């Protein structure tokens, strides 16, 4: 039997609601930098033209917010996290990846999940990712609640030990599985 497409407690919304912590960063794209580091053989930093020069991946995925709305068939384009990992060379002991924005928001996901399907998106449904939705660059981790898909990513860090992120420290469930309704602990 095929699994339902909409997780329990979710409803499909038209449009794309705006929810975020803090202000929308106003850093010009020409000044945007992405740092990749942590438990890796080769830490590095990329500027915007270098990010756009990386091999591009397209991902179609549904998107589920912990507040109860879902959007279906989102078309994301950007850089697969696996590509960044290939360049950085995570240490064999690395088990998690942390995404962080310039304002102190962060979240951590299991490395195997992030490598299998994680993306740093700079386009959504064929257009540059709007600032209010995380542009110029946001993480997308399908199958987890949207708070695990950090907006305005400026740092990707490979970790040996899991660290709780912004919402997890405030009582959100670290698993973030919408099919299990892992909203709060």
N, C-alpha and C. Protein backbone atom coordinates (compact mmCIF):
# COMPACT_ATOMS: atom_id res chain seq x y z
N UNK A 1 0.83 -1.17 0.00
CA UNK A 1 0.00 0.00 0.00
C UNK A 1 0.89 1.25 0.00
N UNK A 2 0.54 2.23 -0.80
CA UNK A 2 1.29 3.47 -0.90
C UNK A 2 1.00 4.36 0.30
N UNK A 3 2.07 4.96 0.83
CA UNK A 3 1.92 5.86 1.97
C UNK A 3 1.25 7.16 1.53
N UNK A 4 0.40 7.70 2.40
CA UNK A 4 -0.24 8.99 2.13
C UNK A 4 0.83 10.04 1.89
N UNK A 5 0.50 11.03 1.12
CA UNK A 5 1.47 12.05 0.77
C UNK A 5 1.55 13.17 1.81
N UNK A 6 0.48 13.41 2.51
CA UNK A 6 0.43 14.47 3.50
C UNK A 6 0.58 13.87 4.89
N UNK A 7 1.60 14.28 5.66
CA UNK A 7 1.77 13.73 7.00
C UNK A 7 0.61 14.08 7.92
N UNK A 8 0.44 13.35 9.01
CA UNK A 8 -0.62 13.65 9.98
C UNK A 8 -0.48 15.09 10.49
N UNK A 9 -1.62 15.74 10.69
CA UNK A 9 -1.61 17.09 11.24
C UNK A 9 -1.24 18.18 10.25
N UNK A 10 -1.06 17.84 8.99
CA UNK A 10 -0.66 18.81 7.97
C UNK A 10 -1.81 19.07 7.01
N UNK A 11 -1.84 20.24 6.40
CA UNK A 11 -2.78 20.58 5.36
C UNK A 11 -2.07 21.31 4.24
N UNK A 12 -2.46 21.03 3.02
CA UNK A 12 -1.82 21.67 1.87
C UNK A 12 -2.27 23.13 1.79
N UNK A 13 -1.31 24.00 1.58
CA UNK A 13 -1.59 25.43 1.47
C UNK A 13 -1.31 25.91 0.05
N UNK A 14 -2.01 26.93 -0.35
CA UNK A 14 -1.69 27.61 -1.61
C UNK A 14 -0.70 28.69 -1.27
N UNK A 15 0.22 28.93 -2.14
CA UNK A 15 1.27 29.90 -1.85
C UNK A 15 2.31 29.29 -0.93
N UNK A 16 3.11 30.17 -0.34
CA UNK A 16 4.19 29.71 0.50
C UNK A 16 4.27 30.66 1.68
N UNK A 17 3.71 30.28 2.84
CA UNK A 17 3.72 31.16 4.00
C UNK A 17 5.13 31.59 4.41
N UNK A 18 5.24 32.74 5.03
CA UNK A 18 6.52 33.26 5.49
C UNK A 18 6.64 33.11 6.99
N UNK A 19 7.62 32.35 7.42
CA UNK A 19 7.91 32.18 8.83
C UNK A 19 9.43 32.13 8.99
N UNK A 20 9.97 32.93 9.88
CA UNK A 20 11.39 32.86 10.16
C UNK A 20 11.71 33.58 11.46
N UNK A 21 12.90 33.33 11.96
CA UNK A 21 13.40 33.96 13.16
C UNK A 21 14.32 35.10 12.73
N UNK A 22 14.17 36.26 13.36
CA UNK A 22 15.06 37.38 13.05
C UNK A 22 14.66 38.11 11.79
N UNK A 23 15.54 39.00 11.39
CA UNK A 23 15.33 39.80 10.19
C UNK A 23 15.80 39.05 8.95
N UNK A 24 15.27 39.42 7.81
CA UNK A 24 15.76 38.88 6.54
C UNK A 24 17.10 39.55 6.27
N UNK A 25 18.20 38.78 6.18
CA UNK A 25 19.51 39.39 5.95
C UNK A 25 19.54 40.20 4.66
N UNK A 26 20.24 41.31 4.70
CA UNK A 26 20.31 42.19 3.53
C UNK A 26 21.68 42.16 2.87
N UNK A 27 22.51 41.19 3.23
CA UNK A 27 23.84 41.08 2.64
C UNK A 27 23.73 40.96 1.12
N UNK A 28 24.40 41.85 0.37
CA UNK A 28 24.36 41.72 -1.09
C UNK A 28 24.96 40.38 -1.53
N UNK A 29 24.42 39.82 -2.58
CA UNK A 29 24.91 38.52 -3.08
C UNK A 29 26.41 38.59 -3.37
N UNK A 30 26.87 39.74 -3.86
CA UNK A 30 28.30 39.88 -4.16
C UNK A 30 29.18 39.72 -2.91
N UNK A 31 28.59 39.89 -1.73
CA UNK A 31 29.34 39.75 -0.48
C UNK A 31 29.04 38.44 0.24
N UNK A 32 28.14 37.62 -0.31
CA UNK A 32 27.73 36.37 0.34
C UNK A 32 28.88 35.38 0.31
N UNK A 33 29.12 34.71 1.42
CA UNK A 33 30.15 33.68 1.51
C UNK A 33 29.56 32.46 2.19
N UNK A 34 30.02 31.30 1.77
CA UNK A 34 29.65 30.04 2.40
C UNK A 34 30.92 29.40 2.92
N UNK A 35 30.99 29.17 4.22
CA UNK A 35 32.12 28.48 4.84
C UNK A 35 31.74 27.02 5.07
N UNK A 36 32.65 26.14 4.72
CA UNK A 36 32.45 24.70 4.92
C UNK A 36 33.61 24.22 5.79
N UNK A 37 33.29 23.60 6.92
CA UNK A 37 34.37 23.20 7.82
C UNK A 37 33.92 22.18 8.84
N UNK A 38 34.57 22.21 9.99
CA UNK A 38 34.30 21.25 11.05
C UNK A 38 35.24 20.07 10.96
N UNK A 39 34.72 18.88 11.14
CA UNK A 39 35.51 17.65 11.11
C UNK A 39 35.73 17.21 9.66
N UNK A 40 36.60 17.96 8.98
CA UNK A 40 36.89 17.71 7.56
C UNK A 40 38.39 17.77 7.30
N UNK A 41 38.82 17.19 6.20
CA UNK A 41 40.22 17.25 5.79
C UNK A 41 40.57 18.61 5.20
N UNK A 42 39.59 19.24 4.52
CA UNK A 42 39.86 20.49 3.81
C UNK A 42 38.71 21.48 4.02
N UNK A 43 38.85 22.37 4.99
CA UNK A 43 37.86 23.43 5.16
C UNK A 43 38.06 24.43 4.01
N UNK A 44 36.96 25.07 3.59
CA UNK A 44 37.07 26.05 2.51
C UNK A 44 35.93 27.05 2.59
N UNK A 45 36.05 28.09 1.82
CA UNK A 45 35.02 29.12 1.72
C UNK A 45 34.76 29.39 0.24
N UNK A 46 33.49 29.63 -0.08
CA UNK A 46 33.10 29.92 -1.45
C UNK A 46 32.39 31.26 -1.51
N UNK A 47 32.69 32.03 -2.55
CA UNK A 47 31.91 33.25 -2.79
C UNK A 47 30.77 32.89 -3.73
N UNK A 48 29.91 33.85 -4.03
CA UNK A 48 28.71 33.55 -4.81
C UNK A 48 29.01 32.99 -6.20
N UNK A 49 29.92 33.59 -6.98
CA UNK A 49 30.21 32.98 -8.29
C UNK A 49 30.75 31.55 -8.18
N UNK A 50 31.51 31.26 -7.13
CA UNK A 50 32.02 29.90 -6.94
C UNK A 50 30.90 28.93 -6.59
N UNK A 51 29.93 29.39 -5.81
CA UNK A 51 28.77 28.54 -5.49
C UNK A 51 28.01 28.21 -6.77
N UNK A 52 27.78 29.23 -7.60
CA UNK A 52 27.03 29.02 -8.84
C UNK A 52 27.80 28.17 -9.85
N UNK A 53 29.12 28.11 -9.73
CA UNK A 53 29.94 27.32 -10.65
C UNK A 53 29.97 25.83 -10.28
N UNK A 54 29.50 25.48 -9.09
CA UNK A 54 29.48 24.07 -8.68
C UNK A 54 28.42 23.31 -9.49
N UNK A 55 28.60 22.00 -9.62
CA UNK A 55 27.58 21.21 -10.33
C UNK A 55 26.21 21.42 -9.69
N UNK A 56 25.21 21.64 -10.53
CA UNK A 56 23.86 21.91 -10.03
C UNK A 56 23.02 20.64 -10.03
N UNK A 57 22.20 20.53 -9.01
CA UNK A 57 21.28 19.40 -8.85
C UNK A 57 19.87 19.95 -8.74
N UNK A 58 18.91 19.20 -9.25
CA UNK A 58 17.51 19.57 -9.07
C UNK A 58 16.85 18.50 -8.21
N UNK A 59 16.00 18.96 -7.32
CA UNK A 59 15.30 18.09 -6.39
C UNK A 59 13.84 18.49 -6.37
N UNK A 60 12.96 17.51 -6.51
CA UNK A 60 11.51 17.75 -6.34
C UNK A 60 11.13 17.14 -5.01
N UNK A 61 10.52 17.97 -4.17
CA UNK A 61 10.18 17.48 -2.83
C UNK A 61 9.03 18.27 -2.25
N UNK A 62 8.24 17.59 -1.43
CA UNK A 62 7.21 18.26 -0.65
C UNK A 62 7.90 18.93 0.54
N UNK A 63 7.24 19.94 1.10
CA UNK A 63 7.84 20.76 2.15
C UNK A 63 6.80 20.91 3.26
N UNK A 64 7.16 20.52 4.47
CA UNK A 64 6.21 20.47 5.57
C UNK A 64 6.68 21.35 6.73
N UNK A 65 5.85 22.29 7.13
CA UNK A 65 6.15 23.18 8.25
C UNK A 65 5.55 22.62 9.53
N UNK A 66 6.27 22.76 10.62
CA UNK A 66 5.81 22.28 11.92
C UNK A 66 4.50 22.94 12.35
N UNK A 67 4.19 24.11 11.79
CA UNK A 67 2.95 24.81 12.14
C UNK A 67 1.72 24.20 11.47
N UNK A 68 1.92 23.21 10.57
CA UNK A 68 0.79 22.48 10.02
C UNK A 68 0.52 22.64 8.55
N UNK A 69 1.30 23.45 7.84
CA UNK A 69 1.06 23.59 6.40
C UNK A 69 2.11 22.81 5.61
N UNK A 70 1.72 22.42 4.41
CA UNK A 70 2.61 21.72 3.49
C UNK A 70 2.46 22.32 2.10
N UNK A 71 3.55 22.36 1.36
CA UNK A 71 3.50 22.69 -0.06
C UNK A 71 4.02 21.47 -0.80
N UNK A 72 3.43 21.19 -1.94
CA UNK A 72 3.77 19.97 -2.68
C UNK A 72 4.53 20.29 -3.95
N UNK A 73 5.33 19.32 -4.37
CA UNK A 73 6.04 19.37 -5.65
C UNK A 73 6.93 20.60 -5.82
N UNK A 74 7.63 21.00 -4.76
CA UNK A 74 8.58 22.09 -4.88
C UNK A 74 9.75 21.63 -5.73
N UNK A 75 10.18 22.50 -6.62
CA UNK A 75 11.34 22.19 -7.47
C UNK A 75 12.49 23.07 -6.99
N UNK A 76 13.46 22.43 -6.35
CA UNK A 76 14.63 23.12 -5.81
C UNK A 76 15.82 22.88 -6.72
N UNK A 77 16.65 23.89 -6.88
CA UNK A 77 17.89 23.75 -7.65
C UNK A 77 19.02 24.35 -6.85
N UNK A 78 20.15 23.65 -6.88
CA UNK A 78 21.30 24.14 -6.14
C UNK A 78 22.40 23.10 -6.09
N UNK A 79 23.16 23.12 -5.02
CA UNK A 79 24.33 22.26 -4.86
C UNK A 79 23.99 21.14 -3.86
N UNK A 80 24.20 19.92 -4.28
CA UNK A 80 23.99 18.78 -3.38
C UNK A 80 24.99 18.85 -2.25
N UNK A 81 24.53 18.58 -1.04
CA UNK A 81 25.45 18.57 0.09
C UNK A 81 26.54 17.53 -0.13
N UNK A 82 26.22 16.46 -0.83
CA UNK A 82 27.23 15.43 -1.14
C UNK A 82 28.39 16.02 -1.93
N UNK A 83 28.13 17.01 -2.78
CA UNK A 83 29.20 17.67 -3.54
C UNK A 83 30.13 18.44 -2.61
N UNK A 84 29.55 19.16 -1.65
CA UNK A 84 30.39 19.89 -0.69
C UNK A 84 31.19 18.91 0.17
N UNK A 85 30.57 17.80 0.55
CA UNK A 85 31.27 16.79 1.34
C UNK A 85 32.41 16.18 0.54
N UNK A 86 32.19 15.95 -0.73
CA UNK A 86 33.25 15.39 -1.57
C UNK A 86 34.47 16.32 -1.58
N UNK A 87 34.23 17.60 -1.65
CA UNK A 87 35.33 18.58 -1.68
C UNK A 87 35.99 18.76 -0.31
N UNK A 88 35.20 18.66 0.75
CA UNK A 88 35.73 18.89 2.10
C UNK A 88 36.38 17.65 2.70
N UNK A 89 35.88 16.48 2.37
CA UNK A 89 36.41 15.24 2.92
C UNK A 89 36.12 15.10 4.41
N UNK A 90 34.85 14.85 4.77
CA UNK A 90 34.54 14.67 6.19
C UNK A 90 35.37 13.55 6.81
N UNK A 91 35.78 13.76 8.05
CA UNK A 91 36.52 12.73 8.77
C UNK A 91 35.61 11.51 8.96
N UNK A 92 36.17 10.32 9.05
CA UNK A 92 35.35 9.12 9.23
C UNK A 92 34.46 9.16 10.46
N UNK A 93 34.82 9.96 11.45
CA UNK A 93 34.03 10.06 12.68
C UNK A 93 32.88 11.07 12.56
N UNK A 94 32.82 11.83 11.48
CA UNK A 94 31.73 12.80 11.31
C UNK A 94 30.41 12.07 11.15
N UNK A 95 29.39 12.49 11.91
CA UNK A 95 28.08 11.84 11.90
C UNK A 95 26.92 12.80 11.68
N UNK A 96 27.20 14.10 11.73
CA UNK A 96 26.14 15.10 11.63
C UNK A 96 26.62 16.27 10.78
N UNK A 97 25.66 17.04 10.30
CA UNK A 97 25.99 18.28 9.60
C UNK A 97 25.15 19.39 10.23
N UNK A 98 25.78 20.53 10.42
CA UNK A 98 25.13 21.70 11.02
C UNK A 98 25.06 22.78 9.96
N UNK A 99 23.87 23.37 9.81
CA UNK A 99 23.66 24.51 8.93
C UNK A 99 23.47 25.73 9.82
N UNK A 100 24.06 26.86 9.45
CA UNK A 100 23.92 28.08 10.26
C UNK A 100 23.73 29.29 9.36
N UNK A 101 22.93 30.24 9.86
CA UNK A 101 22.71 31.50 9.15
C UNK A 101 23.57 32.60 9.79
N UNK A 102 23.57 33.81 9.27
CA UNK A 102 24.44 34.86 9.82
C UNK A 102 23.94 35.48 11.12
N UNK A 103 22.75 35.07 11.60
CA UNK A 103 22.16 35.70 12.78
C UNK A 103 22.12 34.80 14.01
N UNK A 104 22.73 33.63 13.94
CA UNK A 104 22.75 32.74 15.09
C UNK A 104 21.76 31.59 15.02
N UNK A 105 20.95 31.51 13.97
CA UNK A 105 20.05 30.37 13.80
C UNK A 105 20.87 29.21 13.27
N UNK A 106 20.62 28.02 13.81
CA UNK A 106 21.31 26.83 13.31
C UNK A 106 20.44 25.61 13.56
N UNK A 107 20.78 24.54 12.87
CA UNK A 107 20.12 23.25 13.07
C UNK A 107 21.07 22.16 12.60
N UNK A 108 20.92 20.99 13.17
CA UNK A 108 21.79 19.86 12.86
C UNK A 108 20.94 18.69 12.39
N UNK A 109 21.45 17.98 11.38
CA UNK A 109 20.77 16.78 10.87
C UNK A 109 21.80 15.65 10.75
N UNK A 110 21.34 14.40 10.79
CA UNK A 110 22.26 13.28 10.61
C UNK A 110 22.96 13.37 9.24
N UNK A 111 24.24 13.12 9.24
CA UNK A 111 25.04 13.25 8.02
C UNK A 111 24.55 12.32 6.91
N UNK A 112 24.22 11.08 7.24
CA UNK A 112 23.79 10.15 6.20
C UNK A 112 22.54 10.66 5.49
N UNK A 113 21.62 11.23 6.22
CA UNK A 113 20.40 11.76 5.62
C UNK A 113 20.72 12.98 4.75
N UNK A 114 21.56 13.87 5.27
CA UNK A 114 21.92 15.07 4.52
C UNK A 114 22.67 14.73 3.24
N UNK A 115 23.54 13.74 3.29
CA UNK A 115 24.28 13.35 2.09
C UNK A 115 23.38 12.66 1.07
N UNK A 116 22.39 11.93 1.54
CA UNK A 116 21.50 11.20 0.62
C UNK A 116 20.59 12.13 -0.15
N UNK A 117 20.12 13.21 0.48
CA UNK A 117 19.11 14.03 -0.19
C UNK A 117 19.21 15.52 0.09
N UNK A 118 20.18 15.94 0.88
CA UNK A 118 20.30 17.36 1.23
C UNK A 118 20.81 18.21 0.08
N UNK A 119 20.33 19.44 0.05
CA UNK A 119 20.67 20.37 -1.03
C UNK A 119 20.82 21.77 -0.45
N UNK A 120 21.75 22.53 -0.98
CA UNK A 120 21.80 23.97 -0.70
C UNK A 120 21.20 24.64 -1.92
N UNK A 121 19.97 25.10 -1.76
CA UNK A 121 19.20 25.60 -2.89
C UNK A 121 19.38 27.10 -3.08
N UNK A 122 19.51 27.49 -4.35
CA UNK A 122 19.54 28.91 -4.70
C UNK A 122 18.43 29.26 -5.69
N UNK A 123 17.64 28.24 -6.08
CA UNK A 123 16.50 28.47 -6.96
C UNK A 123 15.32 27.64 -6.45
N UNK A 124 14.12 28.18 -6.66
CA UNK A 124 12.90 27.48 -6.28
C UNK A 124 11.90 27.65 -7.42
N UNK A 125 11.40 26.53 -7.92
CA UNK A 125 10.45 26.52 -9.03
C UNK A 125 10.92 27.37 -10.21
N UNK A 126 12.21 27.28 -10.52
CA UNK A 126 12.78 27.91 -11.70
C UNK A 126 13.23 29.35 -11.53
N UNK A 127 12.99 29.96 -10.38
CA UNK A 127 13.37 31.36 -10.16
C UNK A 127 14.39 31.44 -9.03
N UNK A 128 15.21 32.49 -9.02
CA UNK A 128 16.12 32.65 -7.88
C UNK A 128 15.32 32.64 -6.58
N UNK A 129 15.87 31.99 -5.57
CA UNK A 129 15.21 31.87 -4.29
C UNK A 129 15.03 33.26 -3.67
N UNK A 130 13.79 33.62 -3.37
CA UNK A 130 13.49 34.93 -2.79
C UNK A 130 14.13 35.06 -1.41
N UNK A 131 14.57 36.26 -1.08
CA UNK A 131 15.20 36.53 0.22
C UNK A 131 14.32 36.06 1.38
N UNK A 132 13.05 36.41 1.33
CA UNK A 132 12.19 36.07 2.47
C UNK A 132 12.02 34.56 2.65
N UNK A 133 12.36 33.78 1.64
CA UNK A 133 12.27 32.33 1.74
C UNK A 133 13.65 31.68 1.90
N UNK A 134 14.65 32.50 2.20
CA UNK A 134 15.97 31.94 2.49
C UNK A 134 17.04 32.26 1.49
N UNK A 135 16.71 33.01 0.43
CA UNK A 135 17.70 33.36 -0.57
C UNK A 135 18.76 34.30 -0.01
N UNK A 136 19.93 34.21 -0.50
CA UNK A 136 20.24 33.53 -1.75
C UNK A 136 20.47 32.02 -1.62
N UNK A 137 20.65 31.50 -0.39
CA UNK A 137 21.01 30.09 -0.25
C UNK A 137 20.39 29.52 1.01
N UNK A 138 19.65 28.42 0.84
CA UNK A 138 19.07 27.76 2.00
C UNK A 138 19.28 26.25 1.89
N UNK A 139 19.32 25.62 3.03
CA UNK A 139 19.38 24.16 3.06
C UNK A 139 17.98 23.62 2.76
N UNK A 140 17.93 22.47 2.14
CA UNK A 140 16.68 21.74 1.93
C UNK A 140 16.97 20.29 2.30
N UNK A 141 16.26 19.82 3.33
CA UNK A 141 16.41 18.43 3.77
C UNK A 141 15.02 17.80 3.69
N UNK A 142 14.69 17.18 2.56
CA UNK A 142 13.35 16.60 2.38
C UNK A 142 13.03 15.57 3.45
N UNK A 143 11.75 15.48 3.76
CA UNK A 143 11.31 14.47 4.70
C UNK A 143 11.40 14.88 6.16
N UNK A 144 11.94 16.07 6.44
CA UNK A 144 11.98 16.59 7.80
C UNK A 144 11.18 17.89 7.83
N UNK A 145 10.70 18.25 9.01
CA UNK A 145 10.03 19.55 9.12
C UNK A 145 10.96 20.65 8.62
N UNK A 146 10.36 21.71 8.12
CA UNK A 146 11.10 22.78 7.44
C UNK A 146 12.12 23.49 8.31
N UNK A 147 11.99 23.46 9.64
CA UNK A 147 12.99 24.17 10.45
C UNK A 147 14.37 23.53 10.30
N UNK A 148 14.43 22.29 9.81
CA UNK A 148 15.71 21.64 9.54
C UNK A 148 16.31 22.09 8.21
N UNK A 149 15.56 22.86 7.43
CA UNK A 149 16.03 23.40 6.15
C UNK A 149 16.37 24.88 6.36
N UNK A 150 17.46 25.11 7.04
CA UNK A 150 17.91 26.44 7.45
C UNK A 150 17.96 27.44 6.30
N UNK A 151 17.39 28.61 6.55
CA UNK A 151 17.44 29.71 5.57
C UNK A 151 18.79 30.44 5.68
N UNK A 152 19.15 31.14 4.62
CA UNK A 152 20.31 32.06 4.58
C UNK A 152 21.61 31.40 5.05
N UNK A 153 21.85 30.21 4.59
CA UNK A 153 23.01 29.44 5.05
C UNK A 153 24.32 30.14 4.68
N UNK A 154 25.16 30.33 5.69
CA UNK A 154 26.51 30.87 5.49
C UNK A 154 27.58 29.91 6.00
N UNK A 155 27.14 28.87 6.71
CA UNK A 155 28.11 27.89 7.23
C UNK A 155 27.51 26.49 7.20
N UNK A 156 28.33 25.55 6.73
CA UNK A 156 28.02 24.12 6.78
C UNK A 156 29.17 23.50 7.55
N UNK A 157 28.82 22.82 8.64
CA UNK A 157 29.85 22.27 9.51
C UNK A 157 29.59 20.78 9.73
N UNK A 158 30.59 19.97 9.45
CA UNK A 158 30.50 18.54 9.68
C UNK A 158 30.92 18.28 11.12
N UNK A 159 30.11 17.50 11.85
CA UNK A 159 30.30 17.31 13.28
C UNK A 159 30.46 15.85 13.66
N UNK A 160 31.27 15.62 14.67
CA UNK A 160 31.43 14.28 15.24
C UNK A 160 30.27 14.00 16.19
N UNK A 161 29.89 15.02 16.98
CA UNK A 161 28.78 14.89 17.93
C UNK A 161 27.65 15.83 17.53
N UNK A 162 26.46 15.38 17.76
CA UNK A 162 25.29 16.19 17.46
C UNK A 162 25.21 17.39 18.40
N UNK A 163 24.81 18.52 17.84
CA UNK A 163 24.56 19.72 18.64
C UNK A 163 23.11 20.12 18.40
N UNK A 164 22.43 20.47 19.47
CA UNK A 164 21.06 20.94 19.31
C UNK A 164 21.08 22.33 18.71
N UNK A 165 20.14 22.59 17.82
CA UNK A 165 20.06 23.88 17.15
C UNK A 165 19.11 24.83 17.83
N UNK A 166 18.83 25.95 17.18
CA UNK A 166 18.01 27.02 17.72
C UNK A 166 16.68 26.51 18.27
N UNK A 167 15.88 25.83 17.43
CA UNK A 167 14.56 25.39 17.88
C UNK A 167 14.64 24.17 18.80
N UNK A 168 15.61 23.32 18.58
CA UNK A 168 15.74 22.13 19.43
C UNK A 168 16.06 22.54 20.88
N UNK A 169 16.84 23.60 21.05
CA UNK A 169 17.13 24.10 22.40
C UNK A 169 15.91 24.73 23.05
N UNK A 170 14.88 25.01 22.25
CA UNK A 170 13.66 25.63 22.75
C UNK A 170 12.49 24.64 22.81
N UNK A 171 12.80 23.35 22.80
CA UNK A 171 11.78 22.34 23.02
C UNK A 171 11.26 21.60 21.80
N UNK A 172 11.77 21.91 20.60
CA UNK A 172 11.34 21.17 19.43
C UNK A 172 12.04 19.82 19.41
N UNK A 173 11.38 18.82 18.86
CA UNK A 173 11.92 17.47 18.78
C UNK A 173 13.07 17.44 17.77
N UNK A 174 14.19 16.86 18.17
CA UNK A 174 15.36 16.86 17.30
C UNK A 174 15.18 15.98 16.06
N UNK A 175 14.29 14.98 16.14
CA UNK A 175 14.08 14.10 14.99
C UNK A 175 13.39 14.79 13.83
N UNK A 176 12.40 15.66 14.13
CA UNK A 176 11.71 16.48 13.13
C UNK A 176 11.05 15.68 12.01
N UNK A 177 10.62 14.48 12.31
CA UNK A 177 9.97 13.64 11.30
C UNK A 177 8.47 13.96 11.26
N UNK A 178 7.99 14.55 10.15
CA UNK A 178 6.57 14.90 10.09
C UNK A 178 5.64 13.68 10.09
N UNK A 179 6.12 12.53 9.66
CA UNK A 179 5.28 11.33 9.62
C UNK A 179 5.06 10.78 11.01
N UNK A 180 5.96 11.10 11.92
CA UNK A 180 5.82 10.68 13.33
C UNK A 180 5.31 11.84 14.19
N UNK A 181 5.03 12.98 13.56
CA UNK A 181 4.60 14.21 14.25
C UNK A 181 5.58 14.60 15.36
N UNK A 182 6.87 14.53 15.04
CA UNK A 182 7.91 14.89 15.99
C UNK A 182 8.06 16.42 16.01
N UNK A 183 7.09 17.06 16.63
CA UNK A 183 7.07 18.52 16.71
C UNK A 183 7.79 19.02 17.97
N UNK A 184 7.31 18.59 19.11
CA UNK A 184 7.86 19.03 20.40
C UNK A 184 8.25 17.82 21.23
N UNK A 185 9.19 18.03 22.15
CA UNK A 185 9.57 16.94 23.05
C UNK A 185 8.68 16.92 24.26
